[in-house]
N, C-alpha and C. Protein backbone atom coordinates (compact mmCIF):
# COMPACT_ATOMS: atom_id res chain seq x y z
N MET A 1 -86.85 -78.23 -98.46
CA MET A 1 -85.83 -78.91 -99.22
C MET A 1 -84.63 -79.25 -98.34
N VAL A 2 -84.24 -78.31 -97.47
CA VAL A 2 -83.09 -78.55 -96.60
C VAL A 2 -83.35 -79.73 -95.67
N VAL A 3 -84.55 -79.82 -95.12
CA VAL A 3 -84.89 -80.92 -94.22
C VAL A 3 -84.83 -82.25 -94.96
N VAL A 4 -85.33 -82.29 -96.18
CA VAL A 4 -85.30 -83.52 -96.97
C VAL A 4 -83.86 -83.94 -97.25
N VAL A 5 -83.02 -82.99 -97.61
CA VAL A 5 -81.62 -83.31 -97.89
C VAL A 5 -80.92 -83.78 -96.62
N LEU A 6 -81.21 -83.14 -95.49
CA LEU A 6 -80.61 -83.57 -94.22
C LEU A 6 -81.06 -84.98 -93.85
N LEU A 7 -82.35 -85.28 -94.08
CA LEU A 7 -82.83 -86.65 -93.81
C LEU A 7 -82.20 -87.66 -94.76
N PHE A 8 -82.03 -87.27 -96.02
CA PHE A 8 -81.37 -88.15 -96.98
C PHE A 8 -79.92 -88.38 -96.58
N ALA A 9 -79.24 -87.33 -96.13
CA ALA A 9 -77.86 -87.48 -95.67
C ALA A 9 -77.81 -88.40 -94.45
N GLY A 10 -78.76 -88.25 -93.54
CA GLY A 10 -78.82 -89.14 -92.38
C GLY A 10 -79.10 -90.57 -92.77
N LEU A 11 -79.99 -90.77 -93.73
CA LEU A 11 -80.29 -92.12 -94.21
C LEU A 11 -79.07 -92.76 -94.85
N SER A 12 -78.38 -91.99 -95.65
CA SER A 12 -77.18 -92.51 -96.31
C SER A 12 -76.10 -92.85 -95.28
N GLU A 13 -75.92 -92.00 -94.31
CA GLU A 13 -74.93 -92.25 -93.26
C GLU A 13 -75.32 -93.49 -92.46
N ALA A 14 -76.59 -93.62 -92.13
CA ALA A 14 -77.05 -94.80 -91.39
C ALA A 14 -76.87 -96.07 -92.21
N LEU A 15 -77.15 -95.99 -93.52
CA LEU A 15 -76.92 -97.14 -94.39
C LEU A 15 -75.44 -97.53 -94.40
N GLY A 16 -74.59 -96.54 -94.49
CA GLY A 16 -73.15 -96.80 -94.49
C GLY A 16 -72.68 -97.44 -93.20
N ARG A 17 -73.32 -97.14 -92.10
CA ARG A 17 -72.95 -97.73 -90.82
C ARG A 17 -73.59 -99.10 -90.62
N LEU A 18 -74.80 -99.29 -91.14
CA LEU A 18 -75.56 -100.51 -90.88
C LEU A 18 -75.22 -101.66 -91.83
N LEU A 19 -74.88 -101.35 -93.09
CA LEU A 19 -74.60 -102.41 -94.05
C LEU A 19 -73.46 -103.34 -93.62
N PRO A 20 -72.34 -102.82 -93.13
CA PRO A 20 -71.28 -103.75 -92.68
C PRO A 20 -71.74 -104.63 -91.51
N LEU A 21 -72.56 -104.09 -90.63
CA LEU A 21 -73.06 -104.86 -89.50
C LEU A 21 -73.96 -105.99 -89.97
N VAL A 22 -74.84 -105.71 -90.89
CA VAL A 22 -75.75 -106.73 -91.42
C VAL A 22 -74.96 -107.77 -92.21
N ALA A 23 -73.92 -107.33 -92.92
CA ALA A 23 -73.11 -108.28 -93.69
C ALA A 23 -72.35 -109.23 -92.78
N ARG A 24 -71.90 -108.74 -91.63
CA ARG A 24 -71.17 -109.60 -90.68
C ARG A 24 -72.11 -110.51 -89.89
N ARG A 25 -73.34 -110.08 -89.71
CA ARG A 25 -74.31 -110.87 -88.94
C ARG A 25 -75.55 -111.11 -89.80
N PRO A 26 -75.51 -112.14 -90.63
CA PRO A 26 -76.67 -112.38 -91.51
C PRO A 26 -77.92 -112.81 -90.76
N SER A 27 -77.79 -113.11 -89.47
CA SER A 27 -78.97 -113.53 -88.71
C SER A 27 -79.85 -112.36 -88.27
N VAL A 28 -79.41 -111.12 -88.53
CA VAL A 28 -80.20 -109.95 -88.16
C VAL A 28 -81.45 -109.92 -89.04
N SER A 29 -82.62 -109.84 -88.40
CA SER A 29 -83.86 -109.85 -89.16
C SER A 29 -84.05 -108.53 -89.91
N ARG A 30 -84.77 -108.59 -91.00
CA ARG A 30 -85.00 -107.40 -91.82
C ARG A 30 -85.80 -106.34 -91.09
N PRO A 31 -86.85 -106.70 -90.33
CA PRO A 31 -87.57 -105.65 -89.61
C PRO A 31 -86.70 -104.92 -88.58
N VAL A 32 -85.82 -105.66 -87.90
CA VAL A 32 -84.93 -105.03 -86.93
C VAL A 32 -83.95 -104.12 -87.64
N ALA A 33 -83.40 -104.59 -88.76
CA ALA A 33 -82.47 -103.77 -89.53
C ALA A 33 -83.15 -102.52 -90.06
N ALA A 34 -84.39 -102.65 -90.53
CA ALA A 34 -85.13 -101.49 -91.04
C ALA A 34 -85.41 -100.50 -89.91
N GLU A 35 -85.73 -101.01 -88.74
CA GLU A 35 -85.98 -100.14 -87.59
C GLU A 35 -84.72 -99.37 -87.21
N PHE A 36 -83.59 -100.08 -87.15
CA PHE A 36 -82.32 -99.42 -86.85
C PHE A 36 -81.97 -98.39 -87.93
N LEU A 37 -82.29 -98.72 -89.18
CA LEU A 37 -82.01 -97.81 -90.28
C LEU A 37 -82.80 -96.52 -90.15
N LEU A 38 -84.08 -96.62 -89.84
CA LEU A 38 -84.91 -95.42 -89.71
C LEU A 38 -84.51 -94.58 -88.50
N ILE A 39 -84.24 -95.24 -87.39
CA ILE A 39 -83.80 -94.51 -86.19
C ILE A 39 -82.46 -93.84 -86.46
N GLY A 40 -81.55 -94.60 -87.09
CA GLY A 40 -80.23 -94.05 -87.41
C GLY A 40 -80.32 -92.87 -88.36
N ALA A 41 -81.23 -92.94 -89.33
CA ALA A 41 -81.39 -91.84 -90.29
C ALA A 41 -81.84 -90.57 -89.59
N VAL A 42 -82.79 -90.69 -88.67
CA VAL A 42 -83.28 -89.52 -87.95
C VAL A 42 -82.18 -88.95 -87.05
N VAL A 43 -81.47 -89.83 -86.35
CA VAL A 43 -80.40 -89.36 -85.45
C VAL A 43 -79.28 -88.70 -86.25
N GLU A 44 -78.82 -89.35 -87.32
CA GLU A 44 -77.75 -88.77 -88.13
C GLU A 44 -78.19 -87.47 -88.78
N GLY A 45 -79.43 -87.41 -89.26
CA GLY A 45 -79.94 -86.17 -89.83
C GLY A 45 -79.98 -85.04 -88.80
N ALA A 46 -80.35 -85.40 -87.58
CA ALA A 46 -80.38 -84.39 -86.50
C ALA A 46 -78.98 -83.89 -86.18
N VAL A 47 -78.00 -84.80 -86.20
CA VAL A 47 -76.62 -84.40 -85.94
C VAL A 47 -76.14 -83.46 -87.05
N PHE A 48 -76.44 -83.79 -88.30
CA PHE A 48 -76.07 -82.89 -89.40
C PHE A 48 -76.75 -81.54 -89.23
N ALA A 49 -78.01 -81.53 -88.83
CA ALA A 49 -78.75 -80.28 -88.65
C ALA A 49 -78.16 -79.44 -87.53
N LEU A 50 -77.61 -80.09 -86.52
CA LEU A 50 -77.06 -79.37 -85.37
C LEU A 50 -75.66 -78.81 -85.61
N TRP A 51 -74.99 -79.24 -86.66
CA TRP A 51 -73.60 -78.82 -86.88
C TRP A 51 -73.45 -77.30 -86.97
N PRO A 52 -74.21 -76.58 -87.83
CA PRO A 52 -74.04 -75.12 -87.87
C PRO A 52 -74.42 -74.43 -86.56
N LEU A 53 -75.47 -74.92 -85.91
CA LEU A 53 -75.89 -74.32 -84.64
C LEU A 53 -74.83 -74.53 -83.55
N THR A 54 -74.23 -75.70 -83.54
CA THR A 54 -73.18 -75.98 -82.56
C THR A 54 -71.95 -75.12 -82.84
N ALA A 55 -71.59 -74.95 -84.11
CA ALA A 55 -70.47 -74.07 -84.46
C ALA A 55 -70.76 -72.63 -84.05
N TRP A 56 -72.00 -72.20 -84.24
CA TRP A 56 -72.42 -70.86 -83.83
C TRP A 56 -72.28 -70.69 -82.31
N THR A 57 -72.68 -71.71 -81.58
CA THR A 57 -72.59 -71.67 -80.12
C THR A 57 -71.13 -71.61 -79.66
N VAL A 58 -70.27 -72.40 -80.28
CA VAL A 58 -68.84 -72.35 -79.95
C VAL A 58 -68.28 -70.98 -80.26
N ALA A 59 -68.68 -70.39 -81.38
CA ALA A 59 -68.21 -69.05 -81.74
C ALA A 59 -68.68 -68.02 -80.73
N GLN A 60 -69.90 -68.15 -80.22
CA GLN A 60 -70.40 -67.23 -79.20
C GLN A 60 -69.57 -67.31 -77.92
N LEU A 61 -69.09 -68.50 -77.60
CA LEU A 61 -68.26 -68.66 -76.41
C LEU A 61 -66.91 -67.97 -76.56
N MET A 62 -66.46 -67.82 -77.81
CA MET A 62 -65.17 -67.18 -78.06
C MET A 62 -65.25 -65.66 -78.04
N LEU A 63 -66.43 -65.12 -78.27
CA LEU A 63 -66.60 -63.67 -78.36
C LEU A 63 -66.93 -63.07 -77.00
N SER A 64 -66.45 -61.85 -76.77
CA SER A 64 -66.77 -61.19 -75.51
C SER A 64 -68.20 -60.66 -75.51
N ALA A 65 -68.65 -60.20 -76.66
CA ALA A 65 -70.04 -59.74 -76.81
C ALA A 65 -70.73 -60.65 -77.82
N PRO A 66 -71.94 -61.09 -77.51
CA PRO A 66 -72.63 -61.96 -78.46
C PRO A 66 -72.88 -61.24 -79.79
N PRO A 67 -72.75 -61.97 -80.90
CA PRO A 67 -72.99 -61.33 -82.20
C PRO A 67 -74.45 -60.93 -82.36
N SER A 68 -74.65 -59.88 -83.11
CA SER A 68 -76.01 -59.36 -83.28
C SER A 68 -76.76 -60.05 -84.42
N GLY A 69 -76.07 -60.83 -85.24
CA GLY A 69 -76.70 -61.48 -86.38
C GLY A 69 -77.53 -62.68 -85.96
N VAL A 70 -78.18 -63.25 -86.95
CA VAL A 70 -79.00 -64.44 -86.76
C VAL A 70 -78.09 -65.65 -86.73
N ALA A 71 -78.48 -66.67 -85.97
CA ALA A 71 -77.68 -67.89 -85.86
C ALA A 71 -77.49 -68.53 -87.23
N LEU A 72 -76.35 -69.17 -87.40
CA LEU A 72 -76.03 -69.85 -88.65
C LEU A 72 -76.90 -71.08 -88.80
N THR A 73 -77.54 -71.22 -89.95
CA THR A 73 -78.37 -72.39 -90.24
C THR A 73 -78.02 -72.89 -91.64
N TRP A 74 -78.52 -74.07 -91.95
CA TRP A 74 -78.31 -74.63 -93.28
C TRP A 74 -79.14 -73.86 -94.29
N THR A 75 -78.56 -73.62 -95.43
CA THR A 75 -79.27 -73.06 -96.58
C THR A 75 -79.11 -74.05 -97.73
N PRO A 76 -79.92 -73.94 -98.77
CA PRO A 76 -79.75 -74.88 -99.89
C PRO A 76 -78.33 -74.86 -100.47
N GLY A 77 -77.70 -73.70 -100.51
CA GLY A 77 -76.33 -73.62 -101.04
C GLY A 77 -75.31 -74.32 -100.15
N LEU A 78 -75.52 -74.24 -98.84
CA LEU A 78 -74.60 -74.89 -97.91
C LEU A 78 -74.84 -76.39 -97.81
N VAL A 79 -76.08 -76.82 -97.99
CA VAL A 79 -76.41 -78.23 -97.79
C VAL A 79 -76.15 -79.06 -99.05
N ALA A 80 -76.00 -78.43 -100.21
CA ALA A 80 -75.76 -79.18 -101.45
C ALA A 80 -74.51 -80.05 -101.38
N PRO A 81 -73.36 -79.55 -100.88
CA PRO A 81 -72.20 -80.44 -100.77
C PRO A 81 -72.44 -81.58 -99.76
N LEU A 82 -73.27 -81.35 -98.76
CA LEU A 82 -73.59 -82.41 -97.81
C LEU A 82 -74.33 -83.54 -98.50
N LEU A 83 -75.15 -83.20 -99.49
CA LEU A 83 -75.84 -84.24 -100.25
C LEU A 83 -74.84 -85.11 -100.99
N LEU A 84 -73.81 -84.52 -101.57
CA LEU A 84 -72.77 -85.30 -102.23
C LEU A 84 -72.04 -86.18 -101.23
N ALA A 85 -71.75 -85.63 -100.06
CA ALA A 85 -71.09 -86.43 -99.02
C ALA A 85 -71.99 -87.57 -98.56
N ALA A 86 -73.28 -87.34 -98.52
CA ALA A 86 -74.21 -88.38 -98.10
C ALA A 86 -74.26 -89.50 -99.12
N VAL A 87 -74.25 -89.16 -100.39
CA VAL A 87 -74.29 -90.18 -101.43
C VAL A 87 -73.03 -91.03 -101.39
N LEU A 88 -71.91 -90.42 -101.09
CA LEU A 88 -70.64 -91.15 -101.07
C LEU A 88 -70.29 -91.71 -99.70
N ALA A 89 -71.27 -91.78 -98.80
CA ALA A 89 -71.00 -92.22 -97.43
C ALA A 89 -70.81 -93.72 -97.31
N PHE A 90 -71.17 -94.46 -98.32
CA PHE A 90 -71.10 -95.91 -98.20
C PHE A 90 -69.65 -96.35 -98.01
N PRO A 91 -69.43 -97.34 -97.16
CA PRO A 91 -68.06 -97.75 -96.83
C PRO A 91 -67.30 -98.34 -98.01
N LEU A 92 -68.00 -98.79 -99.04
CA LEU A 92 -67.30 -99.35 -100.19
C LEU A 92 -66.48 -98.30 -100.92
N LEU A 93 -66.89 -97.05 -100.85
CA LEU A 93 -66.16 -95.98 -101.52
C LEU A 93 -65.05 -95.41 -100.65
N GLY A 94 -65.00 -95.79 -99.41
CA GLY A 94 -63.89 -95.42 -98.55
C GLY A 94 -64.21 -94.35 -97.54
N PRO A 95 -63.86 -94.61 -96.30
CA PRO A 95 -64.10 -93.61 -95.26
C PRO A 95 -63.23 -92.37 -95.42
N LEU A 96 -62.05 -92.50 -96.02
CA LEU A 96 -61.20 -91.33 -96.20
C LEU A 96 -61.84 -90.33 -97.15
N LEU A 97 -62.41 -90.83 -98.25
CA LEU A 97 -63.09 -89.95 -99.19
C LEU A 97 -64.29 -89.27 -98.51
N HIS A 98 -65.03 -90.03 -97.72
CA HIS A 98 -66.17 -89.47 -97.00
C HIS A 98 -65.71 -88.39 -96.02
N LEU A 99 -64.61 -88.65 -95.32
CA LEU A 99 -64.08 -87.66 -94.38
C LEU A 99 -63.64 -86.40 -95.11
N LEU A 100 -63.01 -86.56 -96.27
CA LEU A 100 -62.61 -85.39 -97.05
C LEU A 100 -63.82 -84.57 -97.52
N LEU A 101 -64.87 -85.27 -97.93
CA LEU A 101 -66.09 -84.56 -98.35
C LEU A 101 -66.74 -83.82 -97.18
N LEU A 102 -66.79 -84.45 -96.02
CA LEU A 102 -67.35 -83.76 -94.85
C LEU A 102 -66.47 -82.58 -94.46
N GLY A 103 -65.15 -82.73 -94.63
CA GLY A 103 -64.25 -81.60 -94.39
C GLY A 103 -64.56 -80.45 -95.34
N GLY A 104 -64.86 -80.78 -96.60
CA GLY A 104 -65.24 -79.76 -97.56
C GLY A 104 -66.54 -79.06 -97.19
N VAL A 105 -67.49 -79.84 -96.67
CA VAL A 105 -68.74 -79.25 -96.19
C VAL A 105 -68.45 -78.31 -95.02
N GLY A 106 -67.57 -78.74 -94.13
CA GLY A 106 -67.19 -77.90 -92.99
C GLY A 106 -66.53 -76.60 -93.44
N VAL A 107 -65.66 -76.68 -94.45
CA VAL A 107 -65.03 -75.47 -94.98
C VAL A 107 -66.09 -74.55 -95.58
N GLY A 108 -67.13 -75.12 -96.17
CA GLY A 108 -68.23 -74.31 -96.68
C GLY A 108 -68.99 -73.58 -95.60
N LEU A 109 -68.99 -74.12 -94.39
CA LEU A 109 -69.67 -73.46 -93.27
C LEU A 109 -68.83 -72.33 -92.67
N VAL A 110 -67.53 -72.34 -92.91
CA VAL A 110 -66.63 -71.37 -92.25
C VAL A 110 -66.93 -69.93 -92.68
N ALA A 111 -67.04 -69.68 -93.97
CA ALA A 111 -67.24 -68.30 -94.44
C ALA A 111 -68.54 -67.69 -93.91
N PRO A 112 -69.68 -68.39 -93.97
CA PRO A 112 -70.88 -67.79 -93.39
C PRO A 112 -70.77 -67.57 -91.87
N LEU A 113 -70.10 -68.49 -91.18
CA LEU A 113 -69.93 -68.31 -89.73
C LEU A 113 -69.04 -67.11 -89.44
N ALA A 114 -67.96 -66.96 -90.20
CA ALA A 114 -67.07 -65.81 -90.01
C ALA A 114 -67.81 -64.50 -90.31
N ALA A 115 -68.65 -64.51 -91.34
CA ALA A 115 -69.38 -63.29 -91.71
C ALA A 115 -70.43 -62.92 -90.66
N THR A 116 -71.11 -63.91 -90.09
CA THR A 116 -72.18 -63.59 -89.14
C THR A 116 -71.66 -63.28 -87.74
N THR A 117 -70.48 -63.78 -87.40
CA THR A 117 -69.97 -63.56 -86.05
C THR A 117 -68.88 -62.50 -85.97
N GLY A 118 -68.24 -62.19 -87.09
CA GLY A 118 -67.14 -61.23 -87.07
C GLY A 118 -65.82 -61.87 -86.70
N LEU A 119 -65.79 -63.17 -86.55
CA LEU A 119 -64.54 -63.87 -86.28
C LEU A 119 -63.70 -63.93 -87.55
N GLY A 120 -62.41 -64.13 -87.39
CA GLY A 120 -61.56 -64.37 -88.54
C GLY A 120 -61.83 -65.75 -89.12
N TRP A 121 -61.29 -65.98 -90.34
CA TRP A 121 -61.54 -67.24 -91.02
C TRP A 121 -61.01 -68.42 -90.20
N TRP A 122 -59.81 -68.32 -89.67
CA TRP A 122 -59.20 -69.43 -88.93
C TRP A 122 -59.95 -69.70 -87.63
N ALA A 123 -60.38 -68.65 -86.94
CA ALA A 123 -61.15 -68.85 -85.71
C ALA A 123 -62.49 -69.52 -86.01
N ALA A 124 -63.13 -69.08 -87.09
CA ALA A 124 -64.40 -69.70 -87.48
C ALA A 124 -64.17 -71.16 -87.89
N ALA A 125 -63.06 -71.43 -88.58
CA ALA A 125 -62.74 -72.81 -88.96
C ALA A 125 -62.54 -73.67 -87.71
N GLY A 126 -61.91 -73.11 -86.70
CA GLY A 126 -61.74 -73.84 -85.44
C GLY A 126 -63.07 -74.14 -84.79
N CYS A 127 -63.99 -73.19 -84.82
CA CYS A 127 -65.32 -73.40 -84.24
C CYS A 127 -66.07 -74.50 -84.99
N VAL A 128 -66.00 -74.50 -86.31
CA VAL A 128 -66.67 -75.53 -87.11
C VAL A 128 -66.04 -76.89 -86.84
N ALA A 129 -64.71 -76.92 -86.74
CA ALA A 129 -64.02 -78.19 -86.47
C ALA A 129 -64.36 -78.72 -85.08
N ILE A 130 -64.35 -77.85 -84.09
CA ILE A 130 -64.69 -78.28 -82.73
C ILE A 130 -66.11 -78.80 -82.68
N ALA A 131 -67.02 -78.11 -83.34
CA ALA A 131 -68.43 -78.55 -83.36
C ALA A 131 -68.56 -79.89 -84.06
N GLY A 132 -67.89 -80.06 -85.20
CA GLY A 132 -67.97 -81.32 -85.94
C GLY A 132 -67.38 -82.48 -85.17
N VAL A 133 -66.23 -82.28 -84.58
CA VAL A 133 -65.59 -83.35 -83.81
C VAL A 133 -66.40 -83.66 -82.55
N GLY A 134 -66.92 -82.64 -81.90
CA GLY A 134 -67.74 -82.86 -80.70
C GLY A 134 -69.01 -83.64 -81.01
N LEU A 135 -69.68 -83.28 -82.09
CA LEU A 135 -70.89 -84.01 -82.48
C LEU A 135 -70.56 -85.43 -82.90
N ALA A 136 -69.45 -85.61 -83.63
CA ALA A 136 -69.04 -86.96 -84.04
C ALA A 136 -68.72 -87.83 -82.83
N ALA A 137 -68.03 -87.25 -81.83
CA ALA A 137 -67.73 -88.01 -80.62
C ALA A 137 -69.00 -88.37 -79.85
N ALA A 138 -69.93 -87.43 -79.79
CA ALA A 138 -71.19 -87.70 -79.08
C ALA A 138 -71.98 -88.81 -79.76
N ILE A 139 -72.08 -88.76 -81.08
CA ILE A 139 -72.86 -89.78 -81.78
C ILE A 139 -72.15 -91.13 -81.73
N ASP A 140 -70.81 -91.12 -81.73
CA ASP A 140 -70.07 -92.38 -81.61
C ASP A 140 -70.29 -92.99 -80.23
N ALA A 141 -70.34 -92.17 -79.20
CA ALA A 141 -70.60 -92.68 -77.86
C ALA A 141 -72.00 -93.30 -77.78
N VAL A 142 -72.97 -92.65 -78.41
CA VAL A 142 -74.34 -93.19 -78.43
C VAL A 142 -74.37 -94.51 -79.19
N ARG A 143 -73.68 -94.59 -80.33
CA ARG A 143 -73.63 -95.83 -81.10
C ARG A 143 -73.05 -96.97 -80.26
N ARG A 144 -71.95 -96.68 -79.59
CA ARG A 144 -71.31 -97.72 -78.76
C ARG A 144 -72.22 -98.15 -77.61
N LEU A 145 -72.92 -97.20 -77.00
CA LEU A 145 -73.84 -97.52 -75.92
C LEU A 145 -74.98 -98.39 -76.42
N VAL A 146 -75.54 -98.04 -77.57
CA VAL A 146 -76.63 -98.83 -78.13
C VAL A 146 -76.15 -100.23 -78.48
N ALA A 147 -74.95 -100.34 -79.04
CA ALA A 147 -74.40 -101.65 -79.38
C ALA A 147 -74.17 -102.48 -78.13
N LYS A 148 -73.67 -101.84 -77.07
CA LYS A 148 -73.41 -102.57 -75.83
C LYS A 148 -74.72 -103.03 -75.19
N VAL A 149 -75.70 -102.16 -75.16
CA VAL A 149 -77.00 -102.52 -74.60
C VAL A 149 -77.64 -103.62 -75.43
N GLY A 150 -77.50 -103.54 -76.76
CA GLY A 150 -78.06 -104.56 -77.63
C GLY A 150 -77.43 -105.91 -77.41
N VAL A 151 -76.11 -105.97 -77.23
CA VAL A 151 -75.42 -107.24 -76.98
C VAL A 151 -75.79 -107.77 -75.60
N THR A 152 -75.84 -106.90 -74.59
CA THR A 152 -76.20 -107.33 -73.25
C THR A 152 -77.62 -107.86 -73.20
N GLY A 153 -78.52 -107.15 -73.89
CA GLY A 153 -79.92 -107.59 -73.94
C GLY A 153 -80.08 -108.93 -74.63
N ALA A 154 -79.32 -109.16 -75.70
CA ALA A 154 -79.38 -110.43 -76.42
C ALA A 154 -78.83 -111.55 -75.56
N GLN A 155 -77.76 -111.29 -74.80
CA GLN A 155 -77.19 -112.32 -73.93
C GLN A 155 -78.15 -112.67 -72.81
N GLU A 156 -78.87 -111.69 -72.29
CA GLU A 156 -79.85 -111.96 -71.22
C GLU A 156 -80.99 -112.81 -71.76
N LEU A 157 -81.40 -112.60 -73.01
CA LEU A 157 -82.46 -113.40 -73.58
C LEU A 157 -82.02 -114.85 -73.80
N ILE A 158 -80.74 -115.05 -74.10
CA ILE A 158 -80.22 -116.41 -74.33
C ILE A 158 -80.17 -117.20 -73.04
N THR A 159 -79.76 -116.56 -71.94
CA THR A 159 -79.62 -117.27 -70.67
C THR A 159 -80.88 -117.35 -69.88
């Protein structure tokens, strides 16, 4: 169930990113758009899946002794708010609302991370925030690289 919800969240996020692009460029073919949508859904779902693990890794870097508990992973209770954030990811509803919902999901990850690592609530919140911002920056860099390569490749085909 968790994997399905993460894939749905990735699909929704990819749709939210792809729809404005298709609207601005109506010449984009449907098969290409569908291919980008599926690839984007898998990549976004993987990024969502990595968020708790990345926060756990950041928390391990802060501790002098590694925690003895099991690494933080998504559970159905933790992933349910992510499903709401995924549904509301479309740009028509506003990126600020989406950011607030993802912030709420991040706050939901803080208590389990604090409990499994022994960190305080604020330190765990910092780890979750660093992990979320780091993953967002990484995926944004990949998006920009793909867009740049796509534009360069299209220009080479024209000339």
